[in-house]
Amino acid sequence: VSVKPYISPSEVVKTIKSITARYIFKKFPKLKQRKFWGSGFWSKGYYVGTTGAVSSETIKRYIENQKHV
């Protein structure tokens, strides 16, 4: 993802999580009836790194090591 330097990483993550959650709830409406609706579909945390400082392997390991609920 590439954004203007004045846009904070937290705003980017917030937007991505919001858009993807709406898409998933639209595609799978039964999820709204479960605990996901209203309690936050995504976890509160996130990871941000630049391509100059973080390898794709580091990102891949981070994603693979996330706890699954």
Protein backbone atom coordinates (compact mmCIF):
# COMPACT_ATOMS: atom_id res chain seq x y z
CA VAL A 1 0.00 0.00 0.00
CA SER A 2 1.29 3.43 -0.85
CA VAL A 3 -0.16 6.64 0.61
CA LYS A 4 0.72 10.30 0.95
CA PRO A 5 3.17 10.98 3.82
CA TYR A 6 0.64 13.07 5.77
CA ILE A 7 -1.74 10.10 6.13
CA SER A 8 -0.98 8.15 9.30
CA PRO A 9 -0.50 4.38 9.27
CA SER A 10 -3.35 4.04 11.77
CA GLU A 11 -5.74 5.79 9.34
CA VAL A 12 -4.69 3.46 6.53
CA VAL A 13 -5.24 0.38 8.69
CA LYS A 14 -8.57 1.69 9.99
CA THR A 15 -9.78 2.27 6.42
CA ILE A 16 -8.61 -1.13 5.15
CA LYS A 17 -10.20 -2.96 8.09
CA SER A 18 -13.46 -1.06 7.69
CA ILE A 19 -13.75 -1.66 3.94
CA THR A 20 -12.81 -5.33 4.13
CA ALA A 21 -15.15 -6.02 7.07
CA ARG A 22 -18.07 -4.46 5.18
CA TYR A 23 -17.20 -6.54 2.11
CA ILE A 24 -17.01 -9.76 4.13
CA PHE A 25 -20.31 -9.07 5.93
CA LYS A 26 -21.96 -8.33 2.59
CA LYS A 27 -20.60 -11.51 1.02
CA PHE A 28 -21.33 -13.65 4.11
CA PRO A 29 -24.40 -12.11 5.81
CA LYS A 30 -24.69 -14.92 8.37
CA LEU A 31 -21.56 -13.58 10.05
CA LYS A 32 -23.61 -10.57 11.17
CA GLN A 33 -25.70 -12.93 13.29
CA ARG A 34 -22.63 -14.18 15.12
CA LYS A 35 -20.33 -12.58 17.65
CA PHE A 36 -18.42 -10.65 14.97
CA TRP A 37 -21.08 -8.01 14.39
CA GLY A 38 -20.63 -5.02 16.70
CA SER A 39 -17.68 -6.49 18.58
CA GLY A 40 -15.07 -5.84 15.94
CA PHE A 41 -14.37 -8.22 13.11
CA TRP A 42 -10.62 -7.59 13.04
CA SER A 43 -8.20 -7.60 15.95
CA LYS A 44 -7.28 -4.20 17.38
CA GLY A 45 -3.59 -4.56 16.57
CA TYR A 46 -1.74 -4.15 13.32
CA TYR A 47 1.75 -4.25 11.90
CA VAL A 48 3.33 -1.50 9.82
CA GLY A 49 6.75 -1.65 8.20
CA THR A 50 8.44 -0.06 5.26
CA THR A 51 9.77 -2.05 2.37
CA GLY A 52 13.22 -0.67 3.07
CA ALA A 53 13.31 -1.98 6.63
CA VAL A 54 11.19 -5.14 6.52
CA SER A 55 11.61 -8.11 4.22
CA SER A 56 8.68 -9.95 2.74
CA GLU A 57 9.76 -12.99 4.78
CA THR A 58 9.43 -10.97 8.01
CA ILE A 59 5.93 -9.91 7.04
CA LYS A 60 5.02 -13.47 6.07
CA ARG A 61 6.27 -14.83 9.43
CA TYR A 62 4.33 -12.14 11.30
CA ILE A 63 1.09 -13.05 9.52
CA GLU A 64 1.60 -16.78 10.00
CA ASN A 65 2.27 -16.34 13.73
CA GLN A 66 -0.93 -14.42 14.49
CA LYS A 67 -3.28 -16.08 16.94
CA HIS A 68 -6.38 -17.50 15.35
CA VAL A 69 -9.59 -16.99 17.30
